[in-house]
């Protein structure tokens, strides 16, 4: 499960990390745009966030997408099914995931993510962050559909896998984190061999991430400030 993450670096830094070109939909100083990107220390489902994919012209684009994958348009009056995560062991076993996995892959930039331990009503939040560098690139899939009220034209889901040594005492799943050296092959629409692609879906090296306990304030999506990622003082 990956239900909350963090992205607070500027669009220009995100573009550089992903070697992507901004779609032009984000407002920049002195320019117009549909979306204003602000540092987000508590990214939650339904948020519109920057995601990189390769468009029909072969360009790597940073696009505002709705977090919650829309695989099909719901019937009138029905509530849409909008999963935020896709299990690595389900990508080739469900019609919902197979085509996107083979043809519509993306990278979700993050500066870290949250996960919880403990029992219901007394959960402890942990912040997981990259030890080397400022960013993580989550493997994801995207759709050309999104809820009409979201304002975005596309949506995405983050792929999860088994935990590494750092995560195994926190949760039984973790997001698939790609190495920058894997970005080109992951985003290449020409790569459609499922066995080749499934090799990307593995736990991140143990020494690549760190974690610490943070304030329970992160549990409320309304809270969104830099202090959320700081190590909590325990008494």
C-alpha atoms as a PDB file:
ATOM      1  CA  UNK A   1       0.000   0.000   0.000  1.00  0.00           C
ATOM      2  CA  UNK A   2       1.136   3.521  -0.759  1.00  0.00           C
ATOM      3  CA  UNK A   3      -1.570   5.946   0.312  1.00  0.00           C
ATOM      4  CA  UNK A   4       0.348   9.131   1.085  1.00  0.00           C
ATOM      5  CA  UNK A   5       3.527  10.632  -0.285  1.00  0.00           C
ATOM      6  CA  UNK A   6       5.469  13.880  -0.425  1.00  0.00           C
ATOM      7  CA  UNK A   7       6.553  16.122  -3.292  1.00  0.00           C
ATOM      8  CA  UNK A   8       7.866  19.540  -2.411  1.00  0.00           C
ATOM      9  CA  UNK A   9      10.608  20.356  -4.931  1.00  0.00           C
ATOM     10  CA  UNK A  10       9.935  22.845  -7.717  1.00  0.00           C
ATOM     11  CA  UNK A  11       8.694  21.796 -11.159  1.00  0.00           C
ATOM     12  CA  UNK A  12      12.048  22.675 -12.736  1.00  0.00           C
ATOM     13  CA  UNK A  13      13.851  20.269 -10.369  1.00  0.00           C
ATOM     14  CA  UNK A  14      11.295  17.545 -11.061  1.00  0.00           C
ATOM     15  CA  UNK A  15      11.777  18.002 -14.814  1.00  0.00           C
ATOM     16  CA  UNK A  16      15.536  17.662 -14.386  1.00  0.00           C
ATOM     17  CA  UNK A  17      15.245  14.534 -12.242  1.00  0.00           C
ATOM     18  CA  UNK A  18      12.999  12.829 -14.782  1.00  0.00           C
ATOM     19  CA  UNK A  19      14.602  14.381 -17.859  1.00  0.00           C
ATOM     20  CA  UNK A  20      11.087  15.471 -18.806  1.00  0.00           C
ATOM     21  CA  UNK A  21       9.478  18.482 -20.449  1.00  0.00           C
ATOM     22  CA  UNK A  22       6.694  20.285 -18.620  1.00  0.00           C
ATOM     23  CA  UNK A  23       3.390  19.898 -20.480  1.00  0.00           C
ATOM     24  CA  UNK A  24       2.801  23.636 -20.098  1.00  0.00           C
ATOM     25  CA  UNK A  25      -0.246  23.069 -17.916  1.00  0.00           C
ATOM     26  CA  UNK A  26       1.512  24.246 -14.760  1.00  0.00           C
ATOM     27  CA  UNK A  27       1.757  27.928 -14.040  1.00  0.00           C
ATOM     28  CA  UNK A  28       5.269  29.327 -14.037  1.00  0.00           C
ATOM     29  CA  UNK A  29       6.355  32.857 -13.074  1.00  0.00           C
ATOM     30  CA  UNK A  30       4.950  35.215 -15.680  1.00  0.00           C
ATOM     31  CA  UNK A  31       3.122  32.443 -17.546  1.00  0.00           C
ATOM     32  CA  UNK A  32      -0.411  31.091 -17.745  1.00  0.00           C
ATOM     33  CA  UNK A  33      -1.398  27.546 -16.899  1.00  0.00           C
ATOM     34  CA  UNK A  34      -4.344  25.441 -15.777  1.00  0.00           C
ATOM     35  CA  UNK A  35      -2.678  24.146 -12.610  1.00  0.00           C
ATOM     36  CA  UNK A  36      -0.561  25.757  -9.933  1.00  0.00           C
ATOM     37  CA  UNK A  37       1.927  23.339  -8.408  1.00  0.00           C
ATOM     38  CA  UNK A  38       2.625  23.915  -4.738  1.00  0.00           C
ATOM     39  CA  UNK A  39       4.890  21.909  -2.418  1.00  0.00           C
ATOM     40  CA  UNK A  40       2.771  19.074  -1.021  1.00  0.00           C
ATOM     41  CA  UNK A  41       3.849  17.403   2.207  1.00  0.00           C
ATOM     42  CA  UNK A  42       0.753  15.217   2.400  1.00  0.00           C
ATOM     43  CA  UNK A  43      -0.200  14.006  -1.072  1.00  0.00           C
ATOM     44  CA  UNK A  44      -3.459  12.056  -0.820  1.00  0.00           C
ATOM     45  CA  UNK A  45      -5.704  10.163  -3.238  1.00  0.00           C
ATOM     46  CA  UNK A  46      -7.701  12.443  -5.600  1.00  0.00           C
ATOM     47  CA  UNK A  47      -4.884  15.018  -5.601  1.00  0.00           C
ATOM     48  CA  UNK A  48      -3.673  16.253  -8.988  1.00  0.00           C
ATOM     49  CA  UNK A  49       0.075  15.654  -9.151  1.00  0.00           C
ATOM     50  CA  UNK A  50       2.898  15.782 -11.733  1.00  0.00           C
ATOM     51  CA  UNK A  51       3.543  12.458 -13.472  1.00  0.00           C
ATOM     52  CA  UNK A  52       5.951  11.654 -16.330  1.00  0.00           C
ATOM     53  CA  UNK A  53       5.037   9.569 -19.365  1.00  0.00           C
ATOM     54  CA  UNK A  54       6.044   9.259 -23.019  1.00  0.00           C
ATOM     55  CA  UNK A  55       3.520  10.814 -25.403  1.00  0.00           C
ATOM     56  CA  UNK A  56       2.662   9.790 -28.975  1.00  0.00           C
ATOM     57  CA  UNK A  57       5.460  11.987 -30.324  1.00  0.00           C
ATOM     58  CA  UNK A  58       8.028  10.131 -28.215  1.00  0.00           C
ATOM     59  CA  UNK A  59       8.530  13.060 -25.842  1.00  0.00           C
ATOM     60  CA  UNK A  60       8.777  12.562 -22.097  1.00  0.00           C
ATOM     61  CA  UNK A  61       6.126  14.864 -20.667  1.00  0.00           C
ATOM     62  CA  UNK A  62       5.383  15.967 -17.109  1.00  0.00           C
ATOM     63  CA  UNK A  63       1.597  15.974 -16.907  1.00  0.00           C
ATOM     64  CA  UNK A  64      -0.886  16.835 -14.130  1.00  0.00           C
ATOM     65  CA  UNK A  65      -2.770  13.605 -13.357  1.00  0.00           C
ATOM     66  CA  UNK A  66      -5.469  12.541 -10.914  1.00  0.00           C
ATOM     67  CA  UNK A  67      -4.253  10.060  -8.273  1.00  0.00           C
ATOM     68  CA  UNK A  68      -6.795   7.292  -8.598  1.00  0.00           C
ATOM     69  CA  UNK A  69      -6.711   5.251 -11.796  1.00  0.00           C
ATOM     70  CA  UNK A  70      -9.849   5.395 -13.955  1.00  0.00           C
ATOM     71  CA  UNK A  71      -9.871   2.322 -16.169  1.00  0.00           C
ATOM     72  CA  UNK A  72     -13.284   3.012 -17.717  1.00  0.00           C
ATOM     73  CA  UNK A  73     -16.075   5.554 -17.592  1.00  0.00           C
ATOM     74  CA  UNK A  74     -18.710   4.610 -15.039  1.00  0.00           C
ATOM     75  CA  UNK A  75     -22.342   4.324 -15.998  1.00  0.00           C
ATOM     76  CA  UNK A  76     -24.443   7.359 -15.235  1.00  0.00           C
ATOM     77  CA  UNK A  77     -25.178   7.475 -11.529  1.00  0.00           C
ATOM     78  CA  UNK A  78     -22.456   4.953 -10.637  1.00  0.00           C
ATOM     79  CA  UNK A  79     -19.494   5.848  -8.473  1.00  0.00           C
ATOM     80  CA  UNK A  80     -16.202   5.391 -10.384  1.00  0.00           C
ATOM     81  CA  UNK A  81     -13.714   2.756  -9.253  1.00  0.00           C
ATOM     82  CA  UNK A  82     -10.453   4.662  -8.709  1.00  0.00           C
ATOM     83  CA  UNK A  83      -7.697   2.438  -7.234  1.00  0.00           C
ATOM     84  CA  UNK A  84      -4.553   4.283  -6.139  1.00  0.00           C
ATOM     85  CA  UNK A  85      -2.259   1.224  -6.108  1.00  0.00           C
ATOM     86  CA  UNK A  86      -1.622  -1.746  -8.384  1.00  0.00           C
ATOM     87  CA  UNK A  87      -0.044  -4.913  -7.005  1.00  0.00           C
ATOM     88  CA  UNK A  88       2.929  -6.262  -8.933  1.00  0.00           C
ATOM     89  CA  UNK A  89       1.503  -9.786  -8.753  1.00  0.00           C
ATOM     90  CA  UNK A  90      -1.768  -8.650 -10.362  1.00  0.00           C
ATOM     91  CA  UNK A  91      -0.525  -6.628 -13.345  1.00  0.00           C
ATOM     92  CA  UNK A  92      -0.830  -9.570 -15.765  1.00  0.00           C
ATOM     93  CA  UNK A  93      -3.846 -11.196 -14.114  1.00  0.00           C
ATOM     94  CA  UNK A  94      -6.461  -8.474 -14.487  1.00  0.00           C
ATOM     95  CA  UNK A  95      -7.828  -6.841 -17.634  1.00  0.00           C
ATOM     96  CA  UNK A  96      -7.821  -3.543 -15.770  1.00  0.00           C
ATOM     97  CA  UNK A  97      -4.050  -3.581 -15.395  1.00  0.00           C
ATOM     98  CA  UNK A  98      -2.661  -5.630 -18.281  1.00  0.00           C
ATOM     99  CA  UNK A  99      -2.973  -3.165 -21.166  1.00  0.00           C
ATOM    100  CA  UNK A 100      -1.774  -0.149 -19.161  1.00  0.00           C
ATOM    101  CA  UNK A 101       1.154  -2.172 -17.811  1.00  0.00           C
ATOM    102  CA  UNK A 102       2.202  -3.115 -21.340  1.00  0.00           C
ATOM    103  CA  UNK A 103       1.525   0.213 -23.029  1.00  0.00           C
ATOM    104  CA  UNK A 104       0.862   3.081 -20.568  1.00  0.00           C
ATOM    105  CA  UNK A 105       3.582   3.186 -17.953  1.00  0.00           C
ATOM    106  CA  UNK A 106       4.595   6.293 -16.048  1.00  0.00           C
ATOM    107  CA  UNK A 107       6.895   7.558 -13.297  1.00  0.00           C
ATOM    108  CA  UNK A 108       5.538   9.310 -10.221  1.00  0.00           C
ATOM    109  CA  UNK A 109       8.126  11.679  -8.684  1.00  0.00           C
ATOM    110  CA  UNK A 110       8.277  11.917  -4.899  1.00  0.00           C
ATOM    111  CA  UNK A 111      10.559  13.156  -2.141  1.00  0.00           C
ATOM    112  CA  UNK A 112       9.394  10.359   0.145  1.00  0.00           C
ATOM    113  CA  UNK A 113       6.266   8.587   1.364  1.00  0.00           C
ATOM    114  CA  UNK A 114       4.417   7.713   4.563  1.00  0.00           C
ATOM    115  CA  UNK A 115       3.383   4.383   6.022  1.00  0.00           C
ATOM    116  CA  UNK A 116       1.812   3.416   9.344  1.00  0.00           C
ATOM    117  CA  UNK A 117       2.438   0.744  11.987  1.00  0.00           C
ATOM    118  CA  UNK A 118       0.310  -0.270  14.949  1.00  0.00           C
ATOM    119  CA  UNK A 119      -3.314  -1.116  15.584  1.00  0.00           C
ATOM    120  CA  UNK A 120      -6.353   0.800  14.455  1.00  0.00           C
ATOM    121  CA  UNK A 121      -6.845   3.881  16.602  1.00  0.00           C
ATOM    122  CA  UNK A 122      -3.214   3.932  17.694  1.00  0.00           C
ATOM    123  CA  UNK A 123      -1.201   3.987  14.486  1.00  0.00           C
ATOM    124  CA  UNK A 124       2.302   5.428  14.253  1.00  0.00           C
ATOM    125  CA  UNK A 125       3.283   7.193  11.006  1.00  0.00           C
ATOM    126  CA  UNK A 126       6.717   6.703   9.432  1.00  0.00           C
ATOM    127  CA  UNK A 127       8.361   8.855   6.781  1.00  0.00           C
ATOM    128  CA  UNK A 128      10.428   6.898   4.247  1.00  0.00           C
ATOM    129  CA  UNK A 129      12.938   8.911   2.226  1.00  0.00           C
ATOM    130  CA  UNK A 130      15.787   8.431  -0.267  1.00  0.00           C
ATOM    131  CA  UNK A 131      19.264   8.264   1.261  1.00  0.00           C
ATOM    132  CA  UNK A 132      20.979   9.208  -1.969  1.00  0.00           C
ATOM    133  CA  UNK A 133      19.591  12.248  -3.726  1.00  0.00           C
ATOM    134  CA  UNK A 134      16.371  14.152  -3.184  1.00  0.00           C
ATOM    135  CA  UNK A 135      13.883  12.197  -5.278  1.00  0.00           C
ATOM    136  CA  UNK A 136      12.240   8.832  -5.697  1.00  0.00           C
ATOM    137  CA  UNK A 137      10.646   7.706  -8.954  1.00  0.00           C
ATOM    138  CA  UNK A 138       7.691   5.371  -8.343  1.00  0.00           C
ATOM    139  CA  UNK A 139       6.728   2.981 -11.138  1.00  0.00           C
ATOM    140  CA  UNK A 140       3.168   3.615 -12.199  1.00  0.00           C
ATOM    141  CA  UNK A 141       0.559   3.133 -14.867  1.00  0.00           C
ATOM    142  CA  UNK A 142      -1.732   5.803 -16.295  1.00  0.00           C
ATOM    143  CA  UNK A 143      -5.060   6.166 -18.059  1.00  0.00           C
ATOM    144  CA  UNK A 144      -6.326   8.708 -20.580  1.00  0.00           C
ATOM    145  CA  UNK A 145      -9.430   9.029 -18.409  1.00  0.00           C
ATOM    146  CA  UNK A 146      -9.996  10.918 -15.166  1.00  0.00           C
ATOM    147  CA  UNK A 147     -13.039  11.996 -13.122  1.00  0.00           C
ATOM    148  CA  UNK A 148     -14.710  14.953 -14.823  1.00  0.00           C
ATOM    149  CA  UNK A 149     -14.714  17.021 -11.655  1.00  0.00           C
ATOM    150  CA  UNK A 150     -10.961  16.583 -11.168  1.00  0.00           C
ATOM    151  CA  UNK A 151     -10.000  19.007 -13.910  1.00  0.00           C
ATOM    152  CA  UNK A 152      -7.295  16.610 -15.098  1.00  0.00           C
ATOM    153  CA  UNK A 153      -7.549  14.610 -18.293  1.00  0.00           C
ATOM    154  CA  UNK A 154      -5.489  11.641 -17.086  1.00  0.00           C
ATOM    155  CA  UNK A 155      -5.162   9.474 -13.981  1.00  0.00           C
ATOM    156  CA  UNK A 156      -2.557   7.156 -12.439  1.00  0.00           C
ATOM    157  CA  UNK A 157      -1.854   4.347 -10.016  1.00  0.00           C
ATOM    158  CA  UNK A 158       1.375   3.495  -8.160  1.00  0.00           C
ATOM    159  CA  UNK A 159       2.645  -0.082  -8.472  1.00  0.00           C
ATOM    160  CA  UNK A 160       3.534  -1.823  -5.206  1.00  0.00           C
ATOM    161  CA  UNK A 161       5.748  -4.808  -4.452  1.00  0.00           C
ATOM    162  CA  UNK A 162       7.092  -6.805  -1.517  1.00  0.00           C
ATOM    163  CA  UNK A 163       8.931  -4.841   1.206  1.00  0.00           C
ATOM    164  CA  UNK A 164      12.691  -4.611   1.582  1.00  0.00           C
ATOM    165  CA  UNK A 165      14.459  -4.974   4.958  1.00  0.00           C
ATOM    166  CA  UNK A 166      13.733  -1.361   5.917  1.00  0.00           C
ATOM    167  CA  UNK A 167      10.023  -1.688   5.171  1.00  0.00           C
ATOM    168  CA  UNK A 168       9.230  -5.233   6.292  1.00  0.00           C
ATOM    169  CA  UNK A 169       8.643  -4.217   9.927  1.00  0.00           C
ATOM    170  CA  UNK A 170       6.447  -1.319   8.832  1.00  0.00           C
ATOM    171  CA  UNK A 171       4.228  -2.738   6.083  1.00  0.00           C
ATOM    172  CA  UNK A 172       3.921  -5.803   3.863  1.00  0.00           C
ATOM    173  CA  UNK A 173       3.979  -3.693   0.675  1.00  0.00           C
ATOM    174  CA  UNK A 174       6.047  -0.815  -0.656  1.00  0.00           C
ATOM    175  CA  UNK A 175       5.975   1.247  -3.861  1.00  0.00           C
ATOM    176  CA  UNK A 176       8.188   0.081  -6.707  1.00  0.00           C
ATOM    177  CA  UNK A 177      11.036   2.621  -6.766  1.00  0.00           C
ATOM    178  CA  UNK A 178      12.926   2.832 -10.039  1.00  0.00           C
ATOM    179  CA  UNK A 179      16.594   3.708 -10.427  1.00  0.00           C
ATOM    180  CA  UNK A 180      17.190   6.667 -12.769  1.00  0.00           C
ATOM    181  CA  UNK A 181      19.106   4.246 -15.021  1.00  0.00           C
ATOM    182  CA  UNK A 182      15.817   2.367 -15.506  1.00  0.00           C
ATOM    183  CA  UNK A 183      13.683   5.361 -16.477  1.00  0.00           C
ATOM    184  CA  UNK A 184      14.298   5.151 -20.239  1.00  0.00           C
ATOM    185  CA  UNK A 185      13.436   1.473 -20.536  1.00  0.00           C
ATOM    186  CA  UNK A 186      10.437   1.709 -18.220  1.00  0.00           C
ATOM    187  CA  UNK A 187       8.895   4.580 -20.181  1.00  0.00           C
ATOM    188  CA  UNK A 188       9.702   3.197 -23.627  1.00  0.00           C
ATOM    189  CA  UNK A 189       6.322   2.267 -25.206  1.00  0.00           C
ATOM    190  CA  UNK A 190       8.175  -0.191 -27.432  1.00  0.00           C
ATOM    191  CA  UNK A 191       8.967  -2.389 -24.441  1.00  0.00           C
ATOM    192  CA  UNK A 192       5.931  -4.651 -24.209  1.00  0.00           C
ATOM    193  CA  UNK A 193       7.459  -7.962 -23.134  1.00  0.00           C
ATOM    194  CA  UNK A 194       5.722  -8.707 -19.795  1.00  0.00           C
ATOM    195  CA  UNK A 195       8.604 -10.813 -18.499  1.00  0.00           C
ATOM    196  CA  UNK A 196      11.079  -8.020 -19.211  1.00  0.00           C
ATOM    197  CA  UNK A 197       8.836  -5.410 -17.607  1.00  0.00           C
ATOM    198  CA  UNK A 198       8.166  -7.499 -14.503  1.00  0.00           C
ATOM    199  CA  UNK A 199      11.909  -7.468 -13.777  1.00  0.00           C
ATOM    200  CA  UNK A 200      11.507  -3.808 -12.811  1.00  0.00           C
ATOM    201  CA  UNK A 201       8.995  -4.709 -10.106  1.00  0.00           C
ATOM    202  CA  UNK A 202      11.284  -5.512  -7.210  1.00  0.00           C
ATOM    203  CA  UNK A 203      11.965  -4.114  -3.736  1.00  0.00           C
ATOM    204  CA  UNK A 204      14.361  -1.181  -3.630  1.00  0.00           C
ATOM    205  CA  UNK A 205      17.852  -1.881  -2.198  1.00  0.00           C
ATOM    206  CA  UNK A 206      17.886  -1.808   1.605  1.00  0.00           C
ATOM    207  CA  UNK A 207      20.633   0.802   1.787  1.00  0.00           C
ATOM    208  CA  UNK A 208      18.806   3.169  -0.567  1.00  0.00           C
ATOM    209  CA  UNK A 209      16.115   4.356   1.826  1.00  0.00           C
ATOM    210  CA  UNK A 210      15.837   5.497   5.424  1.00  0.00           C
ATOM    211  CA  UNK A 211      12.889   6.004   7.740  1.00  0.00           C
ATOM    212  CA  UNK A 212      11.871   7.726  10.948  1.00  0.00           C
ATOM    213  CA  UNK A 213       8.696   8.225  12.967  1.00  0.00           C
ATOM    214  CA  UNK A 214       6.839  11.482  12.367  1.00  0.00           C
ATOM    215  CA  UNK A 215       3.951  13.381  13.944  1.00  0.00           C
ATOM    216  CA  UNK A 216       0.491  11.827  13.903  1.00  0.00           C
ATOM    217  CA  UNK A 217      -0.663  15.108  12.390  1.00  0.00           C
ATOM    218  CA  UNK A 218       0.074  13.596   8.983  1.00  0.00           C
ATOM    219  CA  UNK A 219      -3.002  11.423   9.437  1.00  0.00           C
ATOM    220  CA  UNK A 220      -5.241  14.397   8.629  1.00  0.00           C
ATOM    221  CA  UNK A 221      -5.062  15.345   4.966  1.00  0.00           C
ATOM    222  CA  UNK A 222      -5.820  18.956   5.881  1.00  0.00           C
ATOM    223  CA  UNK A 223      -2.385  19.192   7.507  1.00  0.00           C
ATOM    224  CA  UNK A 224       0.248  20.105   4.965  1.00  0.00           C
ATOM    225  CA  UNK A 225       3.464  21.745   6.094  1.00  0.00           C
ATOM    226  CA  UNK A 226       7.217  20.955   6.127  1.00  0.00           C
ATOM    227  CA  UNK A 227       7.132  19.860   9.755  1.00  0.00           C
ATOM    228  CA  UNK A 228       5.216  16.712   8.828  1.00  0.00           C
ATOM    229  CA  UNK A 229       8.355  14.994   7.504  1.00  0.00           C
ATOM    230  CA  UNK A 230      10.523  15.901  10.505  1.00  0.00           C
ATOM    231  CA  UNK A 231      11.470  13.242  13.029  1.00  0.00           C
ATOM    232  CA  UNK A 232       9.020  13.195  15.927  1.00  0.00           C
ATOM    233  CA  UNK A 233      10.218  13.824  19.454  1.00  0.00           C
ATOM    234  CA  UNK A 234       9.389  10.713  21.463  1.00  0.00           C
ATOM    235  CA  UNK A 235       8.966  10.809  25.215  1.00  0.00           C
END
